[in-house]
Amino acid sequence: ASRANDSWITMEVKTALFHSEKVDHLRIKVVTERAHVYLMGIVSTEEADAAAQVARSINGVARVVKVFEYL
């Protein structure tokens, strides 16, 4: 996957998180490398699972890695 594709995936994941009622998008950082999406932040386990589900739903995502610290 190209860097441009990674940037596009990151933007799509951030947009989807923004529209999700189950997560506080301001507490989640999204980094994409070779179509692998890394989700970071300090969240509840419910928010972490919801954010991962949102990221998995984005076209082009090969893998979602949760790197969260839990409240």
PDB file of N, CA and C in Angstrom:
ATOM      1  N   ALA A   1       0.847  -1.198   0.000  1.00  0.00           N
ATOM      2  CA  ALA A   1       0.000   0.000   0.000  1.00  0.00           C
ATOM      3  C   ALA A   1       0.878   1.242   0.000  1.00  0.00           C
ATOM      4  N   SER A   2       0.447   2.224  -0.714  1.00  0.00           N
ATOM      5  CA  SER A   2       1.224   3.456  -0.824  1.00  0.00           C
ATOM      6  C   SER A   2       0.944   4.389   0.346  1.00  0.00           C
ATOM      7  N   ARG A   3       1.804   5.378   0.489  1.00  0.00           N
ATOM      8  CA  ARG A   3       1.627   6.372   1.534  1.00  0.00           C
ATOM      9  C   ARG A   3       0.328   7.149   1.327  1.00  0.00           C
ATOM     10  N   ALA A   4       0.001   7.442   0.056  1.00  0.00           N
ATOM     11  CA  ALA A   4      -1.248   8.153  -0.247  1.00  0.00           C
ATOM     12  C   ALA A   4      -2.452   7.312   0.162  1.00  0.00           C
ATOM     13  N   ASN A   5      -2.384   6.014  -0.090  1.00  0.00           N
ATOM     14  CA  ASN A   5      -3.472   5.125   0.309  1.00  0.00           C
ATOM     15  C   ASN A   5      -3.590   5.080   1.828  1.00  0.00           C
ATOM     16  N   ASP A   6      -2.469   5.036   2.533  1.00  0.00           N
ATOM     17  CA  ASP A   6      -2.490   5.048   3.999  1.00  0.00           C
ATOM     18  C   ASP A   6      -3.131   6.331   4.514  1.00  0.00           C
ATOM     19  N   SER A   7      -2.804   7.458   3.896  1.00  0.00           N
ATOM     20  CA  SER A   7      -3.395   8.742   4.296  1.00  0.00           C
ATOM     21  C   SER A   7      -4.902   8.728   4.074  1.00  0.00           C
ATOM     22  N   TRP A   8      -5.326   8.168   2.953  1.00  0.00           N
ATOM     23  CA  TRP A   8      -6.752   8.080   2.655  1.00  0.00           C
ATOM     24  C   TRP A   8      -7.461   7.209   3.688  1.00  0.00           C
ATOM     25  N   ILE A   9      -6.871   6.066   4.023  1.00  0.00           N
ATOM     26  CA  ILE A   9      -7.468   5.175   5.027  1.00  0.00           C
ATOM     27  C   ILE A   9      -7.579   5.894   6.367  1.00  0.00           C
ATOM     28  N   THR A  10      -6.517   6.589   6.775  1.00  0.00           N
ATOM     29  CA  THR A  10      -6.541   7.326   8.040  1.00  0.00           C
ATOM     30  C   THR A  10      -7.683   8.331   8.047  1.00  0.00           C
ATOM     31  N   MET A  11      -7.833   9.091   6.962  1.00  0.00           N
ATOM     32  CA  MET A  11      -8.897  10.085   6.868  1.00  0.00           C
ATOM     33  C   MET A  11     -10.273   9.424   6.955  1.00  0.00           C
ATOM     34  N   GLU A  12     -10.448   8.306   6.270  1.00  0.00           N
ATOM     35  CA  GLU A  12     -11.734   7.602   6.295  1.00  0.00           C
ATOM     36  C   GLU A  12     -12.054   7.073   7.697  1.00  0.00           C
ATOM     37  N   VAL A  13     -11.048   6.520   8.378  1.00  0.00           N
ATOM     38  CA  VAL A  13     -11.262   6.010   9.736  1.00  0.00           C
ATOM     39  C   VAL A  13     -11.610   7.162  10.674  1.00  0.00           C
ATOM     40  N   LYS A  14     -10.871   8.267  10.600  1.00  0.00           N
ATOM     41  CA  LYS A  14     -11.150   9.421  11.460  1.00  0.00           C
ATOM     42  C   LYS A  14     -12.553   9.965  11.222  1.00  0.00           C
ATOM     43  N   THR A  15     -12.960  10.036   9.963  1.00  0.00           N
ATOM     44  CA  THR A  15     -14.305  10.518   9.633  1.00  0.00           C
ATOM     45  C   THR A  15     -15.367   9.586  10.205  1.00  0.00           C
ATOM     46  N   ALA A  16     -15.160   8.284  10.061  1.00  0.00           N
ATOM     47  CA  ALA A  16     -16.121   7.310  10.588  1.00  0.00           C
ATOM     48  C   ALA A  16     -16.185   7.373  12.113  1.00  0.00           C
ATOM     49  N   LEU A  17     -15.043   7.568  12.771  1.00  0.00           N
ATOM     50  CA  LEU A  17     -15.034   7.697  14.233  1.00  0.00           C
ATOM     51  C   LEU A  17     -15.768   8.959  14.663  1.00  0.00           C
ATOM     52  N   PHE A  18     -15.592  10.039  13.907  1.00  0.00           N
ATOM     53  CA  PHE A  18     -16.269  11.303  14.198  1.00  0.00           C
ATOM     54  C   PHE A  18     -17.784  11.109  14.188  1.00  0.00           C
ATOM     55  N   HIS A  19     -18.282  10.308  13.259  1.00  0.00           N
ATOM     56  CA  HIS A  19     -19.720  10.098  13.114  1.00  0.00           C
ATOM     57  C   HIS A  19     -20.267   8.994  14.019  1.00  0.00           C
ATOM     58  N   SER A  20     -19.394   8.266  14.681  1.00  0.00           N
ATOM     59  CA  SER A  20     -19.836   7.191  15.570  1.00  0.00           C
ATOM     60  C   SER A  20     -20.306   7.769  16.902  1.00  0.00           C
ATOM     61  N   GLU A  21     -21.436   7.273  17.373  1.00  0.00           N
ATOM     62  CA  GLU A  21     -21.952   7.719  18.673  1.00  0.00           C
ATOM     63  C   GLU A  21     -21.354   6.908  19.823  1.00  0.00           C
ATOM     64  N   LYS A  22     -20.591   5.880  19.502  1.00  0.00           N
ATOM     65  CA  LYS A  22     -20.067   4.981  20.534  1.00  0.00           C
ATOM     66  C   LYS A  22     -18.659   5.332  20.992  1.00  0.00           C
ATOM     67  N   VAL A  23     -18.005   6.277  20.312  1.00  0.00           N
ATOM     68  CA  VAL A  23     -16.630   6.628  20.677  1.00  0.00           C
ATOM     69  C   VAL A  23     -16.453   8.137  20.730  1.00  0.00           C
ATOM     70  N   ASP A  24     -15.513   8.574  21.559  1.00  0.00           N
ATOM     71  CA  ASP A  24     -15.108   9.980  21.590  1.00  0.00           C
ATOM     72  C   ASP A  24     -13.905  10.100  20.661  1.00  0.00           C
ATOM     73  N   HIS A  25     -14.160  10.564  19.460  1.00  0.00           N
ATOM     74  CA  HIS A  25     -13.109  10.605  18.433  1.00  0.00           C
ATOM     75  C   HIS A  25     -11.917  11.468  18.833  1.00  0.00           C
ATOM     76  N   LEU A  26     -12.114  12.403  19.746  1.00  0.00           N
ATOM     77  CA  LEU A  26     -11.018  13.281  20.162  1.00  0.00           C
ATOM     78  C   LEU A  26      -9.989  12.554  21.023  1.00  0.00           C
ATOM     79  N   ARG A  27     -10.371  11.407  21.578  1.00  0.00           N
ATOM     80  CA  ARG A  27      -9.447  10.658  22.442  1.00  0.00           C
ATOM     81  C   ARG A  27      -8.753   9.519  21.713  1.00  0.00           C
ATOM     82  N   ILE A  28      -8.959   9.428  20.403  1.00  0.00           N
ATOM     83  CA  ILE A  28      -8.373   8.326  19.642  1.00  0.00           C
ATOM     84  C   ILE A  28      -7.482   8.860  18.532  1.00  0.00           C
ATOM     85  N   LYS A  29      -6.238   8.401  18.526  1.00  0.00           N
ATOM     86  CA  LYS A  29      -5.296   8.743  17.454  1.00  0.00           C
ATOM     87  C   LYS A  29      -5.270   7.579  16.472  1.00  0.00           C
ATOM     88  N   VAL A  30      -5.256   7.923  15.196  1.00  0.00           N
ATOM     89  CA  VAL A  30      -5.261   6.912  14.134  1.00  0.00           C
ATOM     90  C   VAL A  30      -3.979   7.047  13.318  1.00  0.00           C
ATOM     91  N   VAL A  31      -3.243   5.948  13.173  1.00  0.00           N
ATOM     92  CA  VAL A  31      -2.040   5.914  12.344  1.00  0.00           C
ATOM     93  C   VAL A  31      -2.176   4.710  11.416  1.00  0.00           C
ATOM     94  N   THR A  32      -1.895   4.921  10.140  1.00  0.00           N
ATOM     95  CA  THR A  32      -1.980   3.821   9.172  1.00  0.00           C
ATOM     96  C   THR A  32      -0.625   3.620   8.511  1.00  0.00           C
ATOM     97  N   GLU A  33      -0.172   2.387   8.486  1.00  0.00           N
ATOM     98  CA  GLU A  33       1.096   2.016   7.861  1.00  0.00           C
ATOM     99  C   GLU A  33       0.877   0.735   7.079  1.00  0.00           C
ATOM    100  N   ARG A  34       1.029   0.819   5.756  1.00  0.00           N
ATOM    101  CA  ARG A  34       0.836  -0.340   4.870  1.00  0.00           C
ATOM    102  C   ARG A  34      -0.528  -1.002   5.059  1.00  0.00           C
ATOM    103  N   ALA A  35      -1.545  -0.173   5.163  1.00  0.00           N
ATOM    104  CA  ALA A  35      -2.951  -0.578   5.314  1.00  0.00           C
ATOM    105  C   ALA A  35      -3.264  -1.205   6.670  1.00  0.00           C
ATOM    106  N   HIS A  36      -2.308  -1.173   7.596  1.00  0.00           N
ATOM    107  CA  HIS A  36      -2.556  -1.606   8.963  1.00  0.00           C
ATOM    108  C   HIS A  36      -2.892  -0.354   9.766  1.00  0.00           C
ATOM    109  N   VAL A  37      -4.057  -0.356  10.402  1.00  0.00           N
ATOM    110  CA  VAL A  37      -4.525   0.800  11.157  1.00  0.00           C
ATOM    111  C   VAL A  37      -4.221   0.580  12.634  1.00  0.00           C
ATOM    112  N   TYR A  38      -3.508   1.531  13.223  1.00  0.00           N
ATOM    113  CA  TYR A  38      -3.169   1.495  14.645  1.00  0.00           C
ATOM    114  C   TYR A  38      -4.035   2.527  15.350  1.00  0.00           C
ATOM    115  N   LEU A  39      -4.769   2.087  16.367  1.00  0.00           N
ATOM    116  CA  LEU A  39      -5.638   2.961  17.138  1.00  0.00           C
ATOM    117  C   LEU A  39      -5.037   3.129  18.523  1.00  0.00           C
ATOM    118  N   MET A  40      -4.852   4.387  18.935  1.00  0.00           N
ATOM    119  CA  MET A  40      -4.217   4.679  20.214  1.00  0.00           C
ATOM    120  C   MET A  40      -5.035   5.694  20.989  1.00  0.00           C
ATOM    121  N   GLY A  41      -4.924   5.637  22.307  1.00  0.00           N
ATOM    122  CA  GLY A  41      -5.592   6.610  23.147  1.00  0.00           C
ATOM    123  C   GLY A  41      -5.940   6.003  24.490  1.00  0.00           C
ATOM    124  N   ILE A  42      -6.578   6.820  25.313  1.00  0.00           N
ATOM    125  CA  ILE A  42      -7.023   6.379  26.633  1.00  0.00           C
ATOM    126  C   ILE A  42      -8.544   6.313  26.580  1.00  0.00           C
ATOM    127  N   VAL A  43      -9.074   5.099  26.568  1.00  0.00           N
ATOM    128  CA  VAL A  43     -10.506   4.881  26.356  1.00  0.00           C
ATOM    129  C   VAL A  43     -11.009   3.734  27.232  1.00  0.00           C
ATOM    130  N   SER A  44     -12.325   3.567  27.259  1.00  0.00           N
ATOM    131  CA  SER A  44     -12.910   2.401  27.928  1.00  0.00           C
ATOM    132  C   SER A  44     -12.790   1.197  26.994  1.00  0.00           C
ATOM    133  N   THR A  45     -12.961   0.014  27.536  1.00  0.00           N
ATOM    134  CA  THR A  45     -12.887  -1.180  26.689  1.00  0.00           C
ATOM    135  C   THR A  45     -14.007  -1.176  25.650  1.00  0.00           C
ATOM    136  N   GLU A  46     -15.171  -0.632  26.022  1.00  0.00           N
ATOM    137  CA  GLU A  46     -16.289  -0.553  25.077  1.00  0.00           C
ATOM    138  C   GLU A  46     -15.940   0.369  23.911  1.00  0.00           C
ATOM    139  N   GLU A  47     -15.333   1.522  24.222  1.00  0.00           N
ATOM    140  CA  GLU A  47     -14.925   2.453  23.165  1.00  0.00           C
ATOM    141  C   GLU A  47     -13.860   1.826  22.266  1.00  0.00           C
ATOM    142  N   ALA A  48     -12.926   1.102  22.866  1.00  0.00           N
ATOM    143  CA  ALA A  48     -11.860   0.458  22.091  1.00  0.00           C
ATOM    144  C   ALA A  48     -12.441  -0.544  21.104  1.00  0.00           C
ATOM    145  N   ASP A  49     -13.366  -1.370  21.579  1.00  0.00           N
ATOM    146  CA  ASP A  49     -13.984  -2.365  20.701  1.00  0.00           C
ATOM    147  C   ASP A  49     -14.796  -1.701  19.593  1.00  0.00           C
ATOM    148  N   ALA A  50     -15.530  -0.646  19.947  1.00  0.00           N
ATOM    149  CA  ALA A  50     -16.340   0.067  18.953  1.00  0.00           C
ATOM    150  C   ALA A  50     -15.446   0.734  17.908  1.00  0.00           C
ATOM    151  N   ALA A  51     -14.353   1.343  18.352  1.00  0.00           N
ATOM    152  CA  ALA A  51     -13.432   2.009  17.425  1.00  0.00           C
ATOM    153  C   ALA A  51     -12.802   0.997  16.475  1.00  0.00           C
ATOM    154  N   ALA A  52     -12.427  -0.158  16.996  1.00  0.00           N
ATOM    155  CA  ALA A  52     -11.834  -1.199  16.152  1.00  0.00           C
ATOM    156  C   ALA A  52     -12.839  -1.687  15.120  1.00  0.00           C
ATOM    157  N   GLN A  53     -14.090  -1.837  15.533  1.00  0.00           N
ATOM    158  CA  GLN A  53     -15.137  -2.276  14.604  1.00  0.00           C
ATOM    159  C   GLN A  53     -15.334  -1.241  13.497  1.00  0.00           C
ATOM    160  N   VAL A  54     -15.328   0.035  13.862  1.00  0.00           N
ATOM    161  CA  VAL A  54     -15.454   1.111  12.871  1.00  0.00           C
ATOM    162  C   VAL A  54     -14.291   1.040  11.884  1.00  0.00           C
ATOM    163  N   ALA A  55     -13.075   0.904  12.396  1.00  0.00           N
ATOM    164  CA  ALA A  55     -11.892   0.868  11.527  1.00  0.00           C
ATOM    165  C   ALA A  55     -11.937  -0.334  10.588  1.00  0.00           C
ATOM    166  N   ARG A  56     -12.375  -1.485  11.096  1.00  0.00           N
ATOM    167  CA  ARG A  56     -12.455  -2.694  10.265  1.00  0.00           C
ATOM    168  C   ARG A  56     -13.446  -2.535   9.116  1.00  0.00           C
ATOM    169  N   SER A  57     -14.431  -1.658   9.294  1.00  0.00           N
ATOM    170  CA  SER A  57     -15.471  -1.491   8.271  1.00  0.00           C
ATOM    171  C   SER A  57     -15.006  -0.653   7.081  1.00  0.00           C
ATOM    172  N   ILE A  58     -13.833  -0.028   7.195  1.00  0.00           N
ATOM    173  CA  ILE A  58     -13.343   0.853   6.136  1.00  0.00           C
ATOM    174  C   ILE A  58     -12.683   0.024   5.032  1.00  0.00           C
ATOM    175  N   ASN A  59     -13.057   0.312   3.813  1.00  0.00           N
ATOM    176  CA  ASN A  59     -12.508  -0.391   2.654  1.00  0.00           C
ATOM    177  C   ASN A  59     -11.003  -0.146   2.550  1.00  0.00           C
ATOM    178  N   GLY A  60     -10.234  -1.203   2.360  1.00  0.00           N
ATOM    179  CA  GLY A  60      -8.791  -1.084   2.196  1.00  0.00           C
ATOM    180  C   GLY A  60      -7.992  -1.377   3.444  1.00  0.00           C
ATOM    181  N   VAL A  61      -8.661  -1.495   4.591  1.00  0.00           N
ATOM    182  CA  VAL A  61      -7.966  -1.789   5.848  1.00  0.00           C
ATOM    183  C   VAL A  61      -7.608  -3.269   5.876  1.00  0.00           C
ATOM    184  N   ALA A  62      -6.313  -3.552   6.012  1.00  0.00           N
ATOM    185  CA  ALA A  62      -5.853  -4.940   6.045  1.00  0.00           C
ATOM    186  C   ALA A  62      -5.909  -5.514   7.459  1.00  0.00           C
ATOM    187  N   ARG A  63      -5.630  -4.658   8.450  1.00  0.00           N
ATOM    188  CA  ARG A  63      -5.555  -5.125   9.834  1.00  0.00           C
ATOM    189  C   ARG A  63      -5.771  -3.946  10.761  1.00  0.00           C
ATOM    190  N   VAL A  64      -6.368  -4.196  11.917  1.00  0.00           N
ATOM    191  CA  VAL A  64      -6.555  -3.164  12.938  1.00  0.00           C
ATOM    192  C   VAL A  64      -5.806  -3.606  14.186  1.00  0.00           C
ATOM    193  N   VAL A  65      -4.949  -2.720  14.693  1.00  0.00           N
ATOM    194  CA  VAL A  65      -4.169  -3.005  15.895  1.00  0.00           C
ATOM    195  C   VAL A  65      -4.575  -2.002  16.971  1.00  0.00           C
ATOM    196  N   LYS A  66      -5.049  -2.517  18.108  1.00  0.00           N
ATOM    197  CA  LYS A  66      -5.446  -1.648  19.218  1.00  0.00           C
ATOM    198  C   LYS A  66      -4.248  -1.460  20.144  1.00  0.00           C
ATOM    199  N   VAL A  67      -3.877  -0.206  20.339  1.00  0.00           N
ATOM    200  CA  VAL A  67      -2.772   0.135  21.239  1.00  0.00           C
ATOM    201  C   VAL A  67      -3.327   1.124  22.266  1.00  0.00           C
ATOM    202  N   PHE A  68      -4.340   0.691  23.000  1.00  0.00           N
ATOM    203  CA  PHE A  68      -5.040   1.572  23.926  1.00  0.00           C
ATOM    204  C   PHE A  68      -4.556   1.393  25.351  1.00  0.00           C
ATOM    205  N   GLU A  69      -4.729   2.462  26.127  1.00  0.00           N
ATOM    206  CA  GLU A  69      -4.634   2.386  27.574  1.00  0.00           C
ATOM    207  C   GLU A  69      -6.073   2.503  28.046  1.00  0.00           C
ATOM    208  N   TYR A  70      -6.470   1.637  28.963  1.00  0.00           N
ATOM    209  CA  TYR A  70      -7.878   1.586  29.355  1.00  0.00           C
ATOM    210  C   TYR A  70      -8.144   2.359  30.629  1.00  0.00           C
ATOM    211  N   LEU A  71      -9.299   3.025  30.637  1.00  0.00           N
ATOM    212  CA  LEU A  71      -9.742   3.786  31.806  1.00  0.00           C
ATOM    213  C   LEU A  71     -10.145   2.847  32.919  1.00  0.00           C
TER     214      LEU A  71
END
